[in-house]
Structure formats: C-alpha cells, structure tokens
Protein backbone atom coordinates (compact mmCIF):
# COMPACT_ATOMS: atom_id res chain seq x y z
CA UNK A 1 0.00 0.00 0.00
CA UNK A 2 1.40 3.39 -0.97
CA UNK A 3 2.14 6.07 1.61
CA UNK A 4 -0.32 9.00 1.98
CA UNK A 5 0.31 11.81 -0.50
CA UNK A 6 2.38 14.70 0.85
CA UNK A 7 3.26 17.99 -0.77
CA UNK A 8 6.73 19.57 -0.80
CA UNK A 9 6.04 21.03 2.66
CA UNK A 10 5.09 17.64 4.11
CA UNK A 11 1.36 18.42 3.98
CA UNK A 12 -1.19 15.62 4.20
CA UNK A 13 -4.87 15.92 3.41
CA UNK A 14 -5.89 14.55 6.81
CA UNK A 15 -4.00 17.37 8.58
CA UNK A 16 -6.13 20.07 6.92
CA UNK A 17 -9.51 18.34 6.78
CA UNK A 18 -11.36 21.44 7.96
CA UNK A 19 -10.69 22.94 4.53
CA UNK A 20 -13.23 20.46 3.17
CA UNK A 21 -16.13 21.75 5.28
CA UNK A 22 -17.25 24.16 2.56
CA UNK A 23 -17.34 27.28 4.73
CA UNK A 24 -15.21 29.04 2.10
CA UNK A 25 -16.01 27.79 -1.43
CA UNK A 26 -13.32 25.81 -3.18
CA UNK A 27 -12.18 26.68 -6.70
CA UNK A 28 -11.49 24.17 -9.45
CA UNK A 29 -9.22 24.93 -12.43
CA UNK A 30 -9.54 22.69 -15.51
CA UNK A 31 -8.18 22.78 -19.02
CA UNK A 32 -9.95 22.13 -22.34
CA UNK A 33 -8.33 19.96 -25.04
CA UNK A 34 -7.22 23.10 -26.90
CA UNK A 35 -5.48 24.45 -23.78
CA UNK A 36 -8.18 26.95 -22.74
CA UNK A 37 -8.31 27.20 -18.92
CA UNK A 38 -11.50 27.39 -16.90
CA UNK A 39 -11.92 28.28 -13.22
CA UNK A 40 -15.16 27.82 -11.29
CA UNK A 41 -16.38 27.56 -7.72
CA UNK A 42 -17.19 24.05 -6.49
CA UNK A 43 -20.28 23.48 -4.36
CA UNK A 44 -18.78 20.62 -2.39
CA UNK A 45 -15.37 19.03 -1.87
CA UNK A 46 -15.42 15.90 0.27
CA UNK A 47 -12.45 14.41 2.10
CA UNK A 48 -12.42 10.66 1.35
CA UNK A 49 -9.05 9.54 2.74
CA UNK A 50 -5.41 10.65 2.71
CA UNK A 51 -5.15 9.87 -0.98
CA UNK A 52 -8.56 10.82 -2.36
CA UNK A 53 -11.11 13.63 -2.47
CA UNK A 54 -14.53 13.79 -4.11
CA UNK A 55 -16.15 16.73 -5.92
CA UNK A 56 -19.89 17.07 -6.44
CA UNK A 57 -21.11 16.43 -9.98
CA UNK A 58 -24.28 18.49 -10.49
CA UNK A 59 -24.23 19.89 -14.01
CA UNK A 60 -22.78 18.76 -17.32
CA UNK A 61 -20.97 22.05 -17.87
CA UNK A 62 -17.60 23.18 -19.17
CA UNK A 63 -15.81 21.92 -16.03
CA UNK A 64 -17.31 18.47 -16.47
CA UNK A 65 -16.42 18.34 -20.16
CA UNK A 66 -12.86 19.46 -19.43
CA UNK A 67 -12.39 16.85 -16.70
CA UNK A 68 -13.54 14.03 -18.97
CA UNK A 69 -11.14 15.22 -21.66
CA UNK A 70 -8.22 16.12 -19.36
CA UNK A 71 -8.43 14.45 -15.91
CA UNK A 72 -5.62 16.52 -14.31
CA UNK A 73 -7.19 19.29 -12.15
CA UNK A 74 -6.07 22.03 -9.74
CA UNK A 75 -8.11 22.66 -6.59
CA UNK A 76 -7.79 25.65 -4.23
CA UNK A 77 -9.13 25.33 -0.66
CA UNK A 78 -9.12 27.76 2.29
CA UNK A 79 -8.89 26.79 5.95
CA UNK A 80 -11.96 28.31 7.69
CA UNK A 81 -10.18 28.98 10.99
CA UNK A 82 -6.75 30.16 9.87
CA UNK A 83 -7.46 31.58 6.37
CA UNK A 84 -4.47 29.60 5.04
CA UNK A 85 -4.82 28.59 1.37
CA UNK A 86 -3.84 25.21 -0.08
CA UNK A 87 -3.43 24.20 -3.71
CA UNK A 88 -4.12 20.57 -4.64
CA UNK A 89 -3.17 18.77 -7.82
CA UNK A 90 -5.70 16.00 -8.33
CA UNK A 91 -6.58 13.46 -11.04
CA UNK A 92 -10.10 12.25 -11.91
CA UNK A 93 -10.68 8.52 -11.37
CA UNK A 94 -14.41 7.71 -11.45
CA UNK A 95 -17.96 8.86 -10.70
CA UNK A 96 -20.06 7.15 -8.01
CA UNK A 97 -23.85 7.44 -8.20
CA UNK A 98 -24.77 5.30 -5.17
CA UNK A 99 -23.29 4.06 -1.92
CA UNK A 100 -22.14 5.70 1.33
CA UNK A 101 -19.99 8.42 -0.29
CA UNK A 102 -22.74 9.49 -2.69
CA UNK A 103 -25.46 9.46 0.02
CA UNK A 104 -23.30 11.45 2.42
CA UNK A 105 -22.52 14.09 -0.22
CA UNK A 106 -26.17 14.23 -1.29
CA UNK A 107 -27.30 14.98 2.28
CA UNK A 108 -24.62 17.62 2.78
CA UNK A 109 -25.41 19.26 -0.56
CA UNK A 110 -29.06 19.55 0.44
CA UNK A 111 -28.01 21.49 3.53
CA UNK A 112 -25.76 23.78 1.48
CA UNK A 113 -28.55 24.34 -1.06
CA UNK A 114 -31.08 25.27 1.61
CA UNK A 115 -28.62 27.57 3.34
CA UNK A 116 -28.02 29.48 0.09
CA UNK A 117 -31.64 29.54 -1.03
CA UNK A 118 -30.94 27.14 -3.92
CA UNK A 119 -32.93 24.15 -2.71
CA UNK A 120 -34.80 23.85 -6.00
CA UNK A 121 -31.66 24.06 -8.12
CA UNK A 122 -28.97 21.89 -6.54
CA UNK A 123 -29.22 18.17 -7.26
CA UNK A 124 -26.35 15.73 -6.95
CA UNK A 125 -25.86 13.59 -10.05
CA UNK A 126 -22.74 11.86 -8.82
CA UNK A 127 -19.62 11.98 -6.66
CA UNK A 128 -16.48 12.49 -8.76
CA UNK A 129 -13.57 10.75 -7.03
CA UNK A 130 -10.04 12.13 -7.56
CA UNK A 131 -6.60 10.92 -6.52
CA UNK A 132 -4.46 13.52 -4.74
CA UNK A 133 -1.15 13.97 -6.56
CA UNK A 134 0.26 16.94 -4.65
CA UNK A 135 -0.61 19.51 -1.94
CA UNK A 136 1.15 22.84 -1.47
CA UNK A 137 0.63 25.77 0.85
CA UNK A 138 -0.02 29.04 -0.98
CA UNK A 139 2.22 31.85 0.42
CA UNK A 140 0.33 34.35 2.55
CA UNK A 141 -0.61 35.36 6.08
CA UNK A 142 -2.63 33.05 8.30
CA UNK A 143 -3.84 33.18 11.91
CA UNK A 144 -3.11 30.59 14.58
CA UNK A 145 -5.88 27.97 14.92
CA UNK A 146 -7.87 27.99 18.18
CA UNK A 147 -7.03 25.25 20.71
CA UNK A 148 -9.03 22.05 20.30
CA UNK A 149 -10.22 19.71 23.08
CA UNK A 150 -8.56 16.32 23.46
CA UNK A 151 -11.26 14.09 22.04
CA UNK A 152 -9.16 10.96 22.38
CA UNK A 153 -9.14 11.28 26.18
CA UNK A 154 -12.86 11.99 26.23
CA UNK A 155 -13.48 8.96 24.03
CA UNK A 156 -11.39 6.69 26.24
CA UNK A 157 -13.23 7.74 29.41
CA UNK A 158 -16.64 7.37 27.80
CA UNK A 159 -15.99 3.95 26.26
CA UNK A 160 -14.74 2.72 29.64
CA UNK A 161 -18.04 3.88 31.14
CA UNK A 162 -19.98 1.97 28.46
CA UNK A 163 -18.04 -1.20 29.20
CA UNK A 164 -19.24 -1.09 32.81
CA UNK A 165 -22.96 -0.99 31.90
CA UNK A 166 -25.01 -4.13 32.51
CA UNK A 167 -28.26 -3.20 30.79
CA UNK A 168 -29.58 -1.06 27.93
CA UNK A 169 -31.00 1.67 30.16
CA UNK A 170 -27.63 2.24 31.83
CA UNK A 171 -25.86 2.05 28.46
CA UNK A 172 -27.98 4.80 26.90
CA UNK A 173 -27.76 7.02 29.98
CA UNK A 174 -23.97 6.65 30.09
CA UNK A 175 -23.73 7.55 26.39
CA UNK A 176 -25.83 10.71 26.59
CA UNK A 177 -24.38 11.80 29.94
CA UNK A 178 -20.86 11.26 28.59
CA UNK A 179 -21.55 13.28 25.44
CA UNK A 180 -22.55 16.20 27.62
CA UNK A 181 -19.80 15.88 30.23
CA UNK A 182 -16.87 14.83 27.99
CA UNK A 183 -17.71 16.24 24.56
CA UNK A 184 -19.77 19.29 25.52
CA UNK A 185 -22.69 18.09 23.39
CA UNK A 186 -25.92 19.55 24.75
CA UNK A 187 -28.39 18.02 22.29
CA UNK A 188 -28.29 14.34 21.37
CA UNK A 189 -30.52 11.36 20.72
CA UNK A 190 -30.25 7.63 20.10
CA UNK A 191 -32.58 6.02 17.59
CA UNK A 192 -32.96 2.28 16.94
CA UNK A 193 -33.86 0.52 13.71
CA UNK A 194 -37.06 -1.49 14.06
CA UNK A 195 -37.45 -5.13 13.06
CA UNK A 196 -38.92 -4.25 9.66
CA UNK A 197 -35.80 -2.26 8.79
CA UNK A 198 -38.00 0.51 7.37
CA UNK A 199 -37.95 3.08 10.17
CA UNK A 200 -36.11 4.25 13.26
CA UNK A 201 -37.65 5.06 16.63
CA UNK A 202 -36.27 7.41 19.27
CA UNK A 203 -35.20 5.51 22.38
CA UNK A 204 -33.36 8.20 24.36
CA UNK A 205 -32.54 11.91 24.10
CA UNK A 206 -30.94 14.75 26.04
CA UNK A 207 -31.28 18.52 25.92
CA UNK A 208 -34.75 18.90 24.39
CA UNK A 209 -37.95 20.35 25.87
CA UNK A 210 -39.72 17.09 24.99
CA UNK A 211 -37.85 13.80 24.95
CA UNK A 212 -39.59 12.54 21.81
CA UNK A 213 -39.21 8.95 23.04
CA UNK A 214 -41.21 6.78 20.65
CA UNK A 215 -41.08 9.21 17.73
CA UNK A 216 -40.30 7.62 14.38
CA UNK A 217 -38.51 8.55 11.18
CA UNK A 218 -38.53 6.54 7.92
CA UNK A 219 -35.33 5.00 6.62
CA UNK A 220 -33.80 7.32 4.03
CA UNK A 221 -35.59 10.44 5.33
CA UNK A 222 -33.51 13.37 6.56
CA UNK A 223 -29.99 13.32 7.89
CA UNK A 224 -30.88 10.58 10.39
CA UNK A 225 -32.71 8.34 7.95
CA UNK A 226 -30.08 8.67 5.22
CA UNK A 227 -27.32 7.93 7.74
CA UNK A 228 -29.01 4.63 8.64
CA UNK A 229 -29.80 3.75 5.04
CA UNK A 230 -26.28 4.44 3.75
CA UNK A 231 -24.54 3.16 6.93
CA UNK A 232 -22.35 6.28 6.72
CA UNK A 233 -21.83 9.33 8.94
CA UNK A 234 -23.37 12.59 7.73
CA UNK A 235 -22.18 15.95 9.05
CA UNK A 236 -23.57 19.34 8.06
CA UNK A 237 -22.00 22.51 9.45
CA UNK A 238 -24.59 25.10 8.55
CA UNK A 239 -28.31 24.49 8.37
CA UNK A 240 -31.60 26.39 8.32
CA UNK A 241 -34.98 25.21 9.56
CA UNK A 242 -36.17 24.78 5.96
CA UNK A 243 -33.31 22.44 4.96
CA UNK A 244 -34.41 19.61 2.70
CA UNK A 245 -32.59 17.12 4.92
CA UNK A 246 -33.79 18.66 8.17
CA UNK A 247 -35.95 16.91 10.73
CA UNK A 248 -39.30 18.56 9.93
CA UNK A 249 -40.89 15.21 9.10
CA UNK A 250 -44.26 16.08 10.55
CA UNK A 251 -44.54 19.32 8.58
CA UNK A 252 -43.62 17.64 5.31
CA UNK A 253 -46.15 14.86 5.94
CA UNK A 254 -48.90 17.40 6.57
CA UNK A 255 -48.06 19.22 3.34
CA UNK A 256 -48.41 15.91 1.54
CA UNK A 257 -51.97 15.48 2.81
CA UNK A 258 -51.10 12.90 5.46
CA UNK A 259 -52.26 14.93 8.45
CA UNK A 260 -55.14 12.57 9.17
CA UNK A 261 -52.69 9.74 9.80
CA UNK A 262 -50.71 11.58 12.46
CA UNK A 263 -52.92 11.19 15.54
CA UNK A 264 -50.60 8.46 16.81
CA UNK A 265 -47.34 10.17 15.84
CA UNK A 266 -44.96 11.48 18.50
CA UNK A 267 -43.06 14.58 17.29
CA UNK A 268 -39.37 13.98 16.69
CA UNK A 269 -37.30 16.13 19.07
CA UNK A 270 -34.99 18.73 17.58
CA UNK A 271 -33.70 22.27 17.70
CA UNK A 272 -35.75 24.82 15.73
CA UNK A 273 -32.55 26.75 14.99
CA UNK A 274 -30.21 23.81 14.35
CA UNK A 275 -27.03 25.00 12.63
CA UNK A 276 -24.80 21.94 12.91
CA UNK A 277 -25.86 18.31 12.63
CA UNK A 278 -23.96 15.05 12.86
CA UNK A 279 -25.49 11.59 12.49
CA UNK A 280 -23.39 8.42 12.77
CA UNK A 281 -24.60 4.83 12.34
CA UNK A 282 -24.66 2.48 15.33
CA UNK A 283 -23.35 -0.80 13.94
CA UNK A 284 -22.25 -4.24 15.07
CA UNK A 285 -20.70 -6.91 12.86
CA UNK A 286 -21.63 -5.01 9.72
CA UNK A 287 -25.31 -4.56 10.61
CA UNK A 288 -26.86 -1.14 11.30
CA UNK A 289 -28.75 -1.10 14.60
CA UNK A 290 -29.57 2.57 14.84
CA UNK A 291 -28.22 6.12 14.73
CA UNK A 292 -26.45 8.37 17.22
CA UNK A 293 -27.43 11.96 16.39
CA UNK A 294 -26.10 15.25 17.80
CA UNK A 295 -26.85 18.84 16.85
CA UNK A 296 -26.09 22.39 17.88
CA UNK A 297 -27.35 25.94 17.22
CA UNK A 298 -23.69 26.94 16.56
CA UNK A 299 -22.30 26.89 13.01
CA UNK A 300 -19.40 24.47 12.46
CA UNK A 301 -19.82 22.98 15.93
CA UNK A 302 -18.73 19.49 14.80
CA UNK A 303 -15.44 18.92 13.04
CA UNK A 304 -13.96 15.93 11.25
CA UNK A 305 -12.37 14.98 14.58
CA UNK A 306 -15.79 15.02 16.27
CA UNK A 307 -17.09 12.84 13.47
CA UNK A 308 -14.24 10.34 13.89
CA UNK A 309 -14.72 10.21 17.67
CA UNK A 310 -18.47 9.69 17.46
CA UNK A 311 -18.09 6.99 14.81
CA UNK A 312 -15.82 5.08 17.22
CA UNK A 313 -18.22 5.74 20.11
CA UNK A 314 -21.19 4.50 18.08
CA UNK A 315 -19.21 1.37 17.20
CA UNK A 316 -18.63 0.64 20.89
CA UNK A 317 -22.30 1.33 21.60
CA UNK A 318 -23.38 -1.04 18.83
CA UNK A 319 -21.19 -3.86 20.10
CA UNK A 320 -22.39 -3.31 23.66
CA UNK A 321 -26.03 -3.49 22.53
CA UNK A 322 -25.24 -6.64 20.55
CA UNK A 323 -23.60 -8.23 23.60
CA UNK A 324 -26.63 -7.44 25.75
CA UNK A 325 -28.88 -9.09 23.16
CA UNK A 326 -26.65 -12.16 22.86
CA UNK A 327 -26.07 -12.61 26.59
CA UNK A 328 -28.72 -14.92 28.07
CA UNK A 329 -30.72 -13.38 30.85
CA UNK A 330 -30.07 -14.40 34.42
CA UNK A 331 -31.91 -17.54 35.51
CA UNK A 332 -35.10 -16.34 37.07
CA UNK A 333 -35.36 -16.66 40.81
CA UNK A 334 -38.62 -18.11 42.14
CA UNK A 335 -41.10 -15.38 42.94
CA UNK A 336 -43.93 -15.49 45.41
CA UNK A 337 -47.45 -15.82 44.12
CA UNK A 338 -48.44 -12.39 42.83
CA UNK A 339 -50.61 -10.44 45.18
CA UNK A 340 -53.40 -8.18 43.94
CA UNK A 341 -52.44 -4.54 44.03
CA UNK A 342 -54.44 -2.23 46.21
CA UNK A 343 -56.23 -0.21 43.56
CA UNK A 344 -58.92 2.05 44.93
CA UNK A 345 -62.10 0.32 43.76
CA UNK A 346 -63.97 3.59 44.08
CA UNK A 347 -61.60 5.46 41.77
CA UNK A 348 -62.45 5.98 38.11
CA UNK A 349 -61.16 3.11 35.96
CA UNK A 350 -58.42 3.83 33.45
CA UNK A 351 -59.73 2.93 30.01
CA UNK A 352 -57.04 1.14 28.03
CA UNK A 353 -57.89 0.92 24.32
CA UNK A 354 -56.02 -1.46 22.05
CA UNK A 355 -56.32 -1.09 18.27
CA UNK A 356 -55.39 -4.47 16.82
CA UNK A 357 -54.60 -3.11 13.35
CA UNK A 358 -51.28 -1.58 14.47
CA UNK A 359 -51.24 -2.39 18.22
CA UNK A 360 -51.86 1.24 19.14
CA UNK A 361 -52.55 1.89 22.82
CA UNK A 362 -54.60 4.78 24.20
CA UNK A 363 -54.92 5.54 27.93
CA UNK A 364 -58.34 7.13 28.21
CA UNK A 365 -58.21 9.48 25.21
CA UNK A 366 -54.43 9.96 25.08
CA UNK A 367 -52.13 8.08 22.73
CA UNK A 368 -49.34 6.10 24.41
CA UNK A 369 -47.50 3.81 21.99
CA UNK A 370 -47.95 1.42 19.07
CA UNK A 371 -46.29 -1.51 17.33
CA UNK A 372 -44.28 -4.08 19.29
CA UNK A 373 -44.22 -1.89 22.42
CA UNK A 374 -48.01 -1.57 22.22
CA UNK A 375 -48.33 -5.34 21.88
CA UNK A 376 -46.16 -5.81 24.98
CA UNK A 377 -48.27 -3.39 27.01
CA UNK A 378 -51.54 -5.03 25.97
CA UNK A 379 -50.27 -8.45 26.99
CA UNK A 380 -49.13 -7.16 30.38
CA UNK A 381 -52.40 -5.43 31.25
CA UNK A 382 -54.38 -8.48 30.07
CA UNK A 383 -52.45 -10.70 32.49
CA UNK A 384 -52.93 -8.15 35.26
CA UNK A 385 -56.68 -7.83 34.68
CA UNK A 386 -57.34 -11.53 34.28
CA UNK A 387 -54.97 -12.95 36.92
CA UNK A 388 -53.84 -9.94 38.95
CA UNK A 389 -50.32 -10.78 37.81
CA UNK A 390 -47.63 -8.13 38.36
CA UNK A 391 -44.23 -9.86 38.02
CA UNK A 392 -42.81 -10.64 34.58
CA UNK A 393 -39.56 -11.57 32.87
CA UNK A 394 -38.02 -10.63 29.53
CA UNK A 395 -37.53 -14.31 28.76
CA UNK A 396 -41.23 -15.18 28.86
CA UNK A 397 -42.13 -12.07 26.87
CA UNK A 398 -39.74 -13.14 24.14
CA UNK A 399 -41.59 -16.46 23.88
CA UNK A 400 -45.10 -15.01 24.23
CA UNK A 401 -46.94 -15.39 20.87
CA UNK A 402 -49.09 -12.35 21.67
CA UNK A 403 -46.08 -10.02 21.51
CA UNK A 404 -45.52 -10.48 17.74
CA UNK A 405 -41.82 -9.81 18.03
CA UNK A 406 -40.71 -9.71 14.36
CA UNK A 407 -37.32 -11.38 14.88
CA UNK A 408 -34.28 -11.32 17.12
CA UNK A 409 -33.03 -8.14 15.42
CA UNK A 410 -35.93 -6.20 16.95
CA UNK A 411 -34.44 -5.81 20.40
CA UNK A 412 -37.05 -6.76 23.03
CA UNK A 413 -35.16 -4.93 25.77
CA UNK A 414 -35.19 -1.76 23.65
CA UNK A 415 -38.95 -2.01 23.11
CA UNK A 416 -39.56 -2.65 26.81
CA UNK A 417 -37.37 0.30 27.76
CA UNK A 418 -39.21 2.48 25.23
CA UNK A 419 -42.53 1.48 26.82
CA UNK A 420 -41.28 2.11 30.36
CA UNK A 421 -39.97 5.55 29.41
CA UNK A 422 -43.20 6.52 27.66
CA UNK A 423 -45.22 5.53 30.74
CA UNK A 424 -42.88 7.44 33.06
CA UNK A 425 -42.90 10.50 30.82
CA UNK A 426 -46.70 10.51 30.74
CA UNK A 427 -46.87 10.04 34.52
CA UNK A 428 -49.39 7.28 33.82
CA UNK A 429 -51.00 5.34 36.63
CA UNK A 430 -49.44 2.20 35.14
CA UNK A 431 -45.66 1.98 35.43
CA UNK A 432 -42.98 -0.62 34.67
CA UNK A 433 -40.45 -1.03 37.49
CA UNK A 434 -37.23 -2.99 37.04
CA UNK A 435 -36.73 -5.64 39.73
CA UNK A 436 -33.55 -7.30 38.45
CA UNK A 437 -31.72 -8.44 35.35
CA UNK A 438 -34.43 -9.48 32.90
CA UNK A 439 -37.22 -8.98 35.46
CA UNK A 440 -39.73 -6.21 36.07
CA UNK A 441 -42.97 -5.46 37.91
CA UNK A 442 -46.17 -3.79 36.72
CA UNK A 443 -47.36 -1.07 39.11
CA UNK A 444 -51.05 -0.17 38.70
CA UNK A 445 -52.68 2.60 40.72
CA UNK A 446 -56.22 2.58 39.25
CA UNK A 447 -58.61 -0.13 38.12
CA UNK A 448 -58.23 -0.95 34.44
CA UNK A 449 -61.00 -1.20 31.85
CA UNK A 450 -59.66 -2.96 28.75
CA UNK A 451 -61.27 -2.26 25.36
CA UNK A 452 -60.21 -4.26 22.30
CA UNK A 453 -60.97 -2.55 18.97
CA UNK A 454 -60.75 -4.45 15.71
C-alpha cells in the first residue's frame, strides 16, 4: 500500500480536513483539449481519505467536459479557521452514483442548497472521485488555529463507562451523559432501527424540551434516515430550519396530505434553529442497529475529529447493545405468588384501548405507543386484569406469541425500555419497574378497563 500523499512542505490531506467543510467555497481549475483554462467555484469538496477527495457532480458544464477530456485538475481550498490557502493537484478517477460516499454528499449538498436559497436548483448527479497527486501551501498570512479539546481522552473515558454498563437503560444514559460531560454536546438522541428495517424510533434523548421517546422517522428520510440507510456518517455545518434534509418530518407529511394519519405520531425532538448536525450509524458486525445523532445551534460545531470520535463511540455502543442481546438473561429466581395490588375500587377506571390493526394503545383518550411496544403493554395489562399478575420476565415475553416480536433483530429490551420511558414521561397510573436483570414489575394505581378494537 502506498504512503499518503504529501506535498513539498510535508502536507497531508488529513492534517487540513477542515478545509473540506465548505465554509469558504473551493475553486477548481480545468483545461480544455485546446489548452483553454477554466476556473469555477465548487459546491462541495469531500475528504475521502489521505489519498482521495470527491467533488460534487451536479451539471454537465464546461468543467465536467474538461475533466472528462483532461483528468488533471487544480483545486484551491481555504482553511476556515486560519485563512491559510492550499493548492491541490488531483486526477479524476471515477464517478459514483450510489453508496455511502454518494449518500453522504447528497445529504450535505441539500443542507448547502437550503442555506443558500438554492434548494430547487442543486441536485447531486454523482460523486467524482479524484486521486491527490500533490498539496502545497499558498504563500500568505494566516492566523493561529484555536485550541481544540482532546477528544481521544474523552473517548477513552466514555468507552470505559460503556463497558461497565449491565443493561440497555444504563448504556444509553452513560452515552448521553458522557456526550454532555466529555464532549460538551448539549443536544443528542439515540434512535434504533425497528425489526422491519424501514424506520427508526427514538429511544433516548438529552437537551430537548420534549424527549420525543417513541417518535419515528422513515429510513432514508432526513440526515438521520439517510445515515441509517447508507450506513455512513453525515455531518452538516450550517443548516436552516427549511433544509431539505432537516428533521421537519411532521410538517412535510402534513403538506403531503397525510395529516389525518398523524394522531398516533410522537413529534421527533430537535432544535428549531439547528445550525450543525452530525449523524453516525450504530453498527455491530456489519449490521446497522440505529443512529447516534447530535446537533447544535452553533455553526461548524462538529469537526472531522468530532465525526471520527463519534463513529468510534457508536461502534462501541453497537457492540455493547449486541452483547446485551446475545447474553442470556439471568436464571429467574422463584417469585412469590403475585398479590393483587391495592387499587382504589372507588376510583375511576383507566380505560385502556387497544387497536389491533397496528397495536396502538390509548390511555383514556391519550395516545401512548404502538407496534411491538403496544403489543407488549396489551399483553401485560391483560395478564394483570385476568390474573392480577404483576411480576414478569423478559424471557417469557420473548416467547409469548401475543407479543408479535418480528425477529431477534428487533431488540425486546429496547422495546420494553421504550414502553417504560413513555409511561414514566406521561406520569401514567401504570408503570414498569425494574426488579432485576431481565425482570420487572407492573405497578397499577387505578382499576383498568380494557377495550379491544378491531
């Protein structure tokens, strides 16, 4: 394998990656077959690795024609923090129209287009991949870069904390707490891919007025959905609330005439003035399990180094989740015969409605949850109402045919945690209390009236 390309001054592309963030437009110089030069601004230059960069292919214009005829190109980039200029000599190799690189560039381009008011004009046709032949620093004044935090130390401390977690609840709390304490990330969420592989649901969040636990986003929709679909990190440094790849899923659905279908939708949490977004896939053994998403109202809040650190963190999180799924639950200890809870018989019953079509659950008139989590809740309250049962185990739920767990990839513990958090957030009179590894108790404060619909 060849060594990374270095210019005469010993420059490497990975040492100046911030130049690729697009804060200052890059300029591309090409040459026609007859020797006529052409210089144009480039919408997007993507760092690929130490030896390669990618330029966005949007229009079949003079630059494109020149590149196909003469693949040797000059590229000028400016460092956004120091104002230093760098001249690259690059050579065109190929155009990619699908895959992680293309999807990542497409999402970033959408953010750039929205920011510049060109959302209806910019459309990525392909990612042109170039080999770096040379890098040189252009003479001129530059300012000293601001000091950067030591992300490696923060990453080490946080991954050690994850390794000490024995269940999913502790794992998610350690992740979000560590992002705040060690990385200074105020707004973050963890979303899991459901068993169908068609959507993600929010399992945990920090820093938002509403947690959004239970909210869903389709695969391929927005920065989060594209990240999961392409299994690639996506980072955008400047956004507006109208960005095509923003998180306004509910608004877009309403514009499409789908408002009537949203009674059971939980709004996805998010900043109304998000300026920086970073989504990284949570993976284990090559399979995407979910997405770790962070955002900030500050432009350029997340750098390439932040992206690298969070990719590693998400990898540790994915493996930890996989280990929790693979590890058999503790052998259940014998429990005493369940005793009826002391519900006030004179109090008004809580009406629990179950809609069989999609396992939606309503408590009185308020929506709680749907899908697998709704199926779990309905089974629990049925057992409570019929047998006054209150103690349960994950193991028996996994084998219960009423639960309709799609397959082992749809993490039962994640669904149970989602349900418990929704009940706690709603301050419902039915709560799920953990009593040990793989064991929990149903706490019911009012009589239940179960209504099956459909």
